[in-house]
C-alpha cells in the first residue's frame, strides 16, 4: 500500500503550493488594482496642472502631452496665494508643536497618576470633538471678536490646537498605557528623577505614537476649511481658502485650480516622508523594549 500511495503525495503537495501561489497572486492583483483606483485622482490632478489651459479640460483628454509649468508660474505670481501658503505652513507647524507640548505630558499624567474623576476628565477632553464644527463656529466667532483674535495667526493656531488636542491626549494615553512602568522604575533605581525617566526612557519608547499623532494633527489642521472661512478675512487666510478663488461664477480655471491643489498636497507629502524615517526607527525601538 505504501508504494502505491507514495507517488500521489508529491501531486497533493504541488497542488497545495499552486493554490497558495494563486491566492497570493490574487491578493497582489487586488492590492495593485485598488492602488491604481486610489492614485488615479492624484495623477489626474497633477497631469492637469502640467497641461496648457486649452488642453486642461479637452475631451477626450490628452493622455500624451508636452508638460508645461505655465500654471505654476501664474500661481507664484499671485501674492495672495503665496501669502496664504506660508500662513498655513507657519500656523499649522506652530499648532502641531504646541499641541504636542501640551498633549503628550497631559496624556502621560493621565496614564501614570491616579487623578480624581479621571474618566470624566477624559470624556470632557473628548467632548471637544463630539459636536460638528458648524455647531460651534458661531460661538467661536463671537469669542474671537471679543478677544481681538479674529483674523489673526494666533487665533488660528489656538483653533487648530482646540481641534487636535483631544486626538493627541487619547492616542498618547493609550500608547503610554502600553509602555511597562518597570522601565521607569529601573531608571529611578539608577538615580534618575521622574522627569529624567520621562524624557530619557518614556519619550524614546513613545516615538511611534508621537510621530503618528504629529502626522494626523498636521493633516487635520492643514485641510481645515470651515473655521478658516469664518474666522479669517485677510491677514490669516489659509491656503485651502485660496484654492477656491479659481472657482468663479462664470468659469473655473481648471489648470490653475489643479496647480493650486497640487501645491497644497506637497507639504503634507513632504512632512510624512520626513517623519516616516523617525517613525520607522521609533517602531523598531518600541518593539525591542516591549520584548
Protein backbone atom coordinates (compact mmCIF):
# COMPACT_ATOMS: atom_id res chain seq x y z
CA UNK A 1 0.00 0.00 0.00
CA UNK A 2 2.88 2.40 0.81
CA UNK A 3 4.37 2.01 -2.66
CA UNK A 4 1.03 2.78 -4.30
CA UNK A 5 0.23 5.89 -2.17
CA UNK A 6 3.69 7.47 -2.25
CA UNK A 7 3.56 8.72 -5.86
CA UNK A 8 0.38 10.63 -5.04
CA UNK A 9 1.96 12.57 -2.17
CA UNK A 10 4.05 14.99 -4.32
CA UNK A 11 0.99 15.71 -6.50
CA UNK A 12 -1.07 16.80 -3.50
CA UNK A 13 1.79 18.91 -2.17
CA UNK A 14 2.23 20.54 -5.57
CA UNK A 15 -1.50 21.23 -5.74
CA UNK A 16 -1.43 22.94 -2.33
CA UNK A 17 1.59 25.02 -3.29
CA UNK A 18 -0.10 26.07 -6.52
CA UNK A 19 -3.24 27.12 -4.67
CA UNK A 20 -1.21 29.21 -2.23
CA UNK A 21 0.60 30.91 -5.09
CA UNK A 22 -2.67 31.65 -6.87
CA UNK A 23 -4.18 33.12 -3.70
CA UNK A 24 -1.07 35.26 -3.17
CA UNK A 25 -1.19 36.39 -6.81
CA UNK A 26 -4.86 37.28 -6.45
CA UNK A 27 -4.18 39.33 -3.33
CA UNK A 28 -1.35 41.24 -5.00
CA UNK A 29 -3.52 41.86 -8.08
CA UNK A 30 -6.36 43.18 -5.89
CA UNK A 31 -3.97 45.46 -3.98
CA UNK A 32 -2.48 46.72 -7.23
CA UNK A 33 -5.92 47.41 -8.65
CA UNK A 34 -7.01 49.25 -5.50
CA UNK A 35 -3.78 51.29 -5.52
CA UNK A 36 -4.48 52.35 -9.10
CA UNK A 37 -8.02 53.40 -8.16
CA UNK A 38 -6.74 55.45 -5.20
CA UNK A 39 -3.82 57.04 -7.05
CA UNK A 40 -5.66 57.85 -10.28
CA UNK A 41 -7.29 61.08 -8.99
CA UNK A 42 -3.87 62.27 -7.82
CA UNK A 43 -2.40 61.51 -11.25
CA UNK A 44 -5.32 63.34 -12.89
CA UNK A 45 -4.81 66.49 -10.80
CA UNK A 46 -1.04 66.56 -11.34
CA UNK A 47 -1.32 65.92 -15.07
CA UNK A 48 -3.99 68.61 -15.42
CA UNK A 49 -1.73 71.10 -13.66
CA UNK A 50 1.01 70.38 -16.21
CA UNK A 51 -1.22 70.94 -19.25
CA UNK A 52 -1.76 74.24 -21.08
CA UNK A 53 -5.06 75.94 -20.19
CA UNK A 54 -6.59 74.98 -23.55
CA UNK A 55 -5.80 71.27 -23.02
CA UNK A 56 -6.73 71.06 -19.33
CA UNK A 57 -10.39 70.26 -19.99
CA UNK A 58 -10.19 68.84 -23.51
CA UNK A 59 -12.49 65.90 -24.29
CA UNK A 60 -11.38 63.27 -24.87
CA UNK A 61 -8.45 64.02 -22.53
CA UNK A 62 -4.92 64.17 -23.87
CA UNK A 63 -3.11 61.23 -22.30
CA UNK A 64 0.15 62.10 -24.04
CA UNK A 65 1.12 65.76 -23.90
CA UNK A 66 4.10 68.09 -23.54
CA UNK A 67 4.27 69.16 -19.85
CA UNK A 68 4.42 72.85 -19.06
CA UNK A 69 4.85 74.78 -15.80
CA UNK A 70 2.76 77.70 -17.06
CA UNK A 71 0.09 77.19 -14.39
CA UNK A 72 2.66 77.10 -11.59
CA UNK A 73 4.34 80.28 -12.85
CA UNK A 74 0.98 82.03 -12.91
CA UNK A 75 0.26 80.69 -9.42
CA UNK A 76 3.52 82.01 -7.97
CA UNK A 77 2.76 85.44 -9.42
CA UNK A 78 -0.35 85.69 -7.28
CA UNK A 79 0.81 87.15 -3.98
CA UNK A 80 -2.45 86.26 -2.23
CA UNK A 81 -1.89 82.53 -2.79
CA UNK A 82 1.79 82.68 -1.79
CA UNK A 83 0.99 84.60 1.41
CA UNK A 84 -1.80 82.18 2.28
CA UNK A 85 0.51 79.23 1.64
CA UNK A 86 3.16 80.49 4.07
CA UNK A 87 0.44 81.45 6.53
CA UNK A 88 -0.74 77.84 6.56
CA UNK A 89 2.78 76.44 6.87
CA UNK A 90 3.52 78.69 9.86
CA UNK A 91 0.20 78.28 11.67
CA UNK A 92 -0.12 74.54 11.16
CA UNK A 93 3.51 73.83 12.13
CA UNK A 94 3.23 76.01 15.25
CA UNK A 95 -0.05 74.36 16.25
CA UNK A 96 1.44 70.86 15.91
CA UNK A 97 4.42 71.79 18.10
CA UNK A 98 2.24 73.39 20.77
CA UNK A 99 -0.36 70.62 20.78
CA UNK A 100 2.38 68.03 21.27
CA UNK A 101 3.95 70.08 24.09
CA UNK A 102 0.57 70.19 25.83
CA UNK A 103 -0.98 66.86 24.87
CA UNK A 104 1.94 64.45 25.39
CA UNK A 105 2.66 65.43 29.05
CA UNK A 106 -1.09 65.55 29.75
CA UNK A 107 -1.51 62.04 28.36
CA UNK A 108 1.44 60.82 30.46
CA UNK A 109 -0.08 62.25 33.63
CA UNK A 110 -3.47 60.68 32.87
CA UNK A 111 -1.75 57.35 32.23
CA UNK A 112 0.57 57.20 35.25
CA UNK A 113 -1.20 59.11 38.03
CA UNK A 114 -4.47 58.39 39.83
CA UNK A 115 -6.49 61.54 39.18
CA UNK A 116 -9.92 62.05 40.77
CA UNK A 117 -12.71 61.52 38.24
CA UNK A 118 -10.15 60.61 35.60
CA UNK A 119 -12.75 59.07 33.30
CA UNK A 120 -14.80 62.27 33.41
CA UNK A 121 -11.71 64.30 32.55
CA UNK A 122 -11.04 62.09 29.51
CA UNK A 123 -14.64 62.38 28.35
CA UNK A 124 -14.50 66.16 28.83
CA UNK A 125 -11.35 66.33 26.66
CA UNK A 126 -13.02 64.16 24.02
CA UNK A 127 -16.17 66.31 24.07
CA UNK A 128 -14.37 68.94 22.00
CA UNK A 129 -14.66 66.55 19.05
CA UNK A 130 -18.22 65.39 19.67
CA UNK A 131 -20.02 68.36 18.15
CA UNK A 132 -19.83 69.09 14.41
CA UNK A 133 -17.80 72.22 13.58
CA UNK A 134 -20.86 74.03 12.22
CA UNK A 135 -22.45 73.82 15.68
CA UNK A 136 -19.59 75.66 17.43
CA UNK A 137 -18.37 78.02 14.74
CA UNK A 138 -20.69 80.92 15.74
CA UNK A 139 -19.67 80.83 19.45
CA UNK A 140 -16.03 80.77 18.42
CA UNK A 141 -16.64 83.72 16.10
CA UNK A 142 -18.19 85.75 18.94
CA UNK A 143 -15.36 84.84 21.34
CA UNK A 144 -12.67 85.65 18.78
CA UNK A 145 -14.21 89.06 18.05
CA UNK A 146 -14.44 89.84 21.77
CA UNK A 147 -10.80 88.84 22.41
CA UNK A 148 -9.45 90.54 19.25
CA UNK A 149 -8.36 87.16 17.85
CA UNK A 150 -10.42 87.43 14.67
CA UNK A 151 -8.27 87.21 11.53
CA UNK A 152 -5.04 86.66 13.50
CA UNK A 153 -2.46 83.90 13.23
CA UNK A 154 -2.51 83.41 17.00
CA UNK A 155 -6.25 82.86 16.85
CA UNK A 156 -5.97 80.22 14.11
CA UNK A 157 -3.14 78.45 15.95
CA UNK A 158 -5.39 78.31 19.02
CA UNK A 159 -8.20 76.96 16.83
CA UNK A 160 -6.02 74.20 15.41
CA UNK A 161 -4.88 73.26 18.93
CA UNK A 162 -8.51 73.00 20.00
CA UNK A 163 -9.24 70.71 17.06
CA UNK A 164 -6.33 68.31 17.71
CA UNK A 165 -5.79 68.30 21.48
CA UNK A 166 -8.29 65.51 22.18
CA UNK A 167 -6.75 63.31 19.49
CA UNK A 168 -3.25 63.75 20.92
CA UNK A 169 -4.29 63.10 24.52
CA UNK A 170 -6.36 60.00 23.80
CA UNK A 171 -3.92 58.36 21.40
CA UNK A 172 -0.86 59.09 23.54
CA UNK A 173 -2.59 57.93 26.74
CA UNK A 174 -3.29 54.57 25.09
CA UNK A 175 0.35 54.45 23.98
CA UNK A 176 1.71 55.27 27.44
CA UNK A 177 -0.59 52.62 28.93
CA UNK A 178 1.20 50.05 26.78
CA UNK A 179 4.69 51.01 27.99
CA UNK A 180 5.68 48.98 31.10
CA UNK A 181 6.13 51.02 34.25
CA UNK A 182 9.11 48.83 35.11
CA UNK A 183 11.16 50.87 32.64
CA UNK A 184 10.63 54.00 34.72
CA UNK A 185 11.23 52.11 37.95
CA UNK A 186 14.57 50.85 36.62
CA UNK A 187 15.57 54.40 35.66
CA UNK A 188 14.56 55.67 39.11
CA UNK A 189 16.67 52.96 40.75
CA UNK A 190 19.64 54.17 38.68
CA UNK A 191 19.20 57.65 40.16
CA UNK A 192 17.04 59.37 37.54
CA UNK A 193 14.32 61.76 38.59
CA UNK A 194 10.73 61.31 37.42
CA UNK A 195 11.20 63.94 34.73
CA UNK A 196 14.50 62.41 33.58
CA UNK A 197 12.87 58.98 33.34
CA UNK A 198 10.07 60.51 31.29
CA UNK A 199 12.45 62.38 28.98
CA UNK A 200 15.15 59.74 28.50
CA UNK A 201 13.17 56.49 28.71
CA UNK A 202 9.46 57.01 28.08
CA UNK A 203 9.63 59.57 25.28
CA UNK A 204 12.01 57.47 23.11
CA UNK A 205 9.75 54.47 23.63
CA UNK A 206 6.73 56.59 22.67
CA UNK A 207 8.24 57.85 19.39
CA UNK A 208 5.84 55.89 17.15
CA UNK A 209 2.82 57.39 18.88
CA UNK A 210 4.25 60.92 18.94
CA UNK A 211 5.08 60.96 15.24
CA UNK A 212 1.77 59.33 14.37
CA UNK A 213 -0.29 62.00 16.14
CA UNK A 214 2.00 64.67 14.70
CA UNK A 215 1.19 63.48 11.17
CA UNK A 216 -2.55 63.26 11.82
CA UNK A 217 -2.64 66.64 13.60
CA UNK A 218 -0.75 68.26 10.72
CA UNK A 219 -3.15 66.83 8.15
CA UNK A 220 -6.30 67.75 10.12
CA UNK A 221 -5.11 71.33 10.58
CA UNK A 222 -3.83 71.68 7.00
CA UNK A 223 -7.09 70.63 5.33
CA UNK A 224 -9.39 72.55 7.71
CA UNK A 225 -11.64 74.97 5.83
CA UNK A 226 -14.80 75.94 7.73
CA UNK A 227 -13.08 77.73 10.63
CA UNK A 228 -10.79 79.50 8.17
CA UNK A 229 -13.74 80.77 6.18
CA UNK A 230 -15.48 82.22 9.24
CA UNK A 231 -12.58 83.27 11.49
CA UNK A 232 -10.27 84.89 8.93
CA UNK A 233 -10.61 87.62 6.37
CA UNK A 234 -7.26 88.92 5.15
CA UNK A 235 -4.25 88.60 7.46
CA UNK A 236 -4.61 84.91 8.45
CA UNK A 237 -6.15 83.48 5.29
CA UNK A 238 -5.17 79.84 4.72
CA UNK A 239 -4.17 78.06 1.55
CA UNK A 240 -7.35 75.96 1.45
CA UNK A 241 -9.37 79.16 1.14
CA UNK A 242 -7.20 80.45 -1.69
CA UNK A 243 -7.72 77.28 -3.73
CA UNK A 244 -11.38 78.24 -4.12
CA UNK A 245 -10.55 81.59 -5.70
CA UNK A 246 -10.11 79.77 -9.02
CA UNK A 247 -13.75 78.67 -8.96
CA UNK A 248 -15.55 81.66 -10.42
CA UNK A 249 -19.22 82.42 -11.02
CA UNK A 250 -18.99 82.06 -14.80
CA UNK A 251 -15.97 79.81 -15.26
CA UNK A 252 -13.50 77.56 -13.46
CA UNK A 253 -9.79 77.94 -14.12
CA UNK A 254 -9.07 74.22 -14.18
CA UNK A 255 -5.34 74.48 -14.84
CA UNK A 256 -4.77 76.95 -12.00
CA UNK A 257 -7.10 75.01 -9.72
CA UNK A 258 -5.13 71.81 -10.37
CA UNK A 259 -1.82 73.58 -9.80
CA UNK A 260 -3.06 75.09 -6.52
CA UNK A 261 -4.37 71.70 -5.38
CA UNK A 262 -1.03 70.05 -6.18
CA UNK A 263 0.86 72.77 -4.33
CA UNK A 264 -1.43 72.22 -1.33
CA UNK A 265 -0.73 68.48 -1.31
CA UNK A 266 3.08 68.81 -1.48
CA UNK A 267 3.72 70.00 2.14
CA UNK A 268 1.69 67.10 3.55
CA UNK A 269 3.61 64.59 1.45
CA UNK A 270 6.97 66.12 2.39
CA UNK A 271 6.06 66.15 6.08
CA UNK A 272 5.00 62.49 6.03
CA UNK A 273 8.20 61.50 4.19
CA UNK A 274 10.39 63.45 6.64
CA UNK A 275 8.69 61.98 9.71
CA UNK A 276 8.42 58.45 8.31
CA UNK A 277 12.15 57.82 8.85
CA UNK A 278 11.88 58.62 12.54
CA UNK A 279 8.59 56.78 12.79
CA UNK A 280 10.19 53.58 11.45
CA UNK A 281 13.10 53.94 13.88
CA UNK A 282 10.70 54.50 16.76
CA UNK A 283 8.65 51.46 15.82
CA UNK A 284 11.70 49.18 15.93
CA UNK A 285 12.80 50.74 19.21
CA UNK A 286 9.38 50.18 20.73
CA UNK A 287 9.35 46.54 19.65
CA UNK A 288 12.70 45.90 21.30
CA UNK A 289 11.50 47.46 24.57
CA UNK A 290 8.22 45.57 24.55
CA UNK A 291 10.02 42.29 24.21
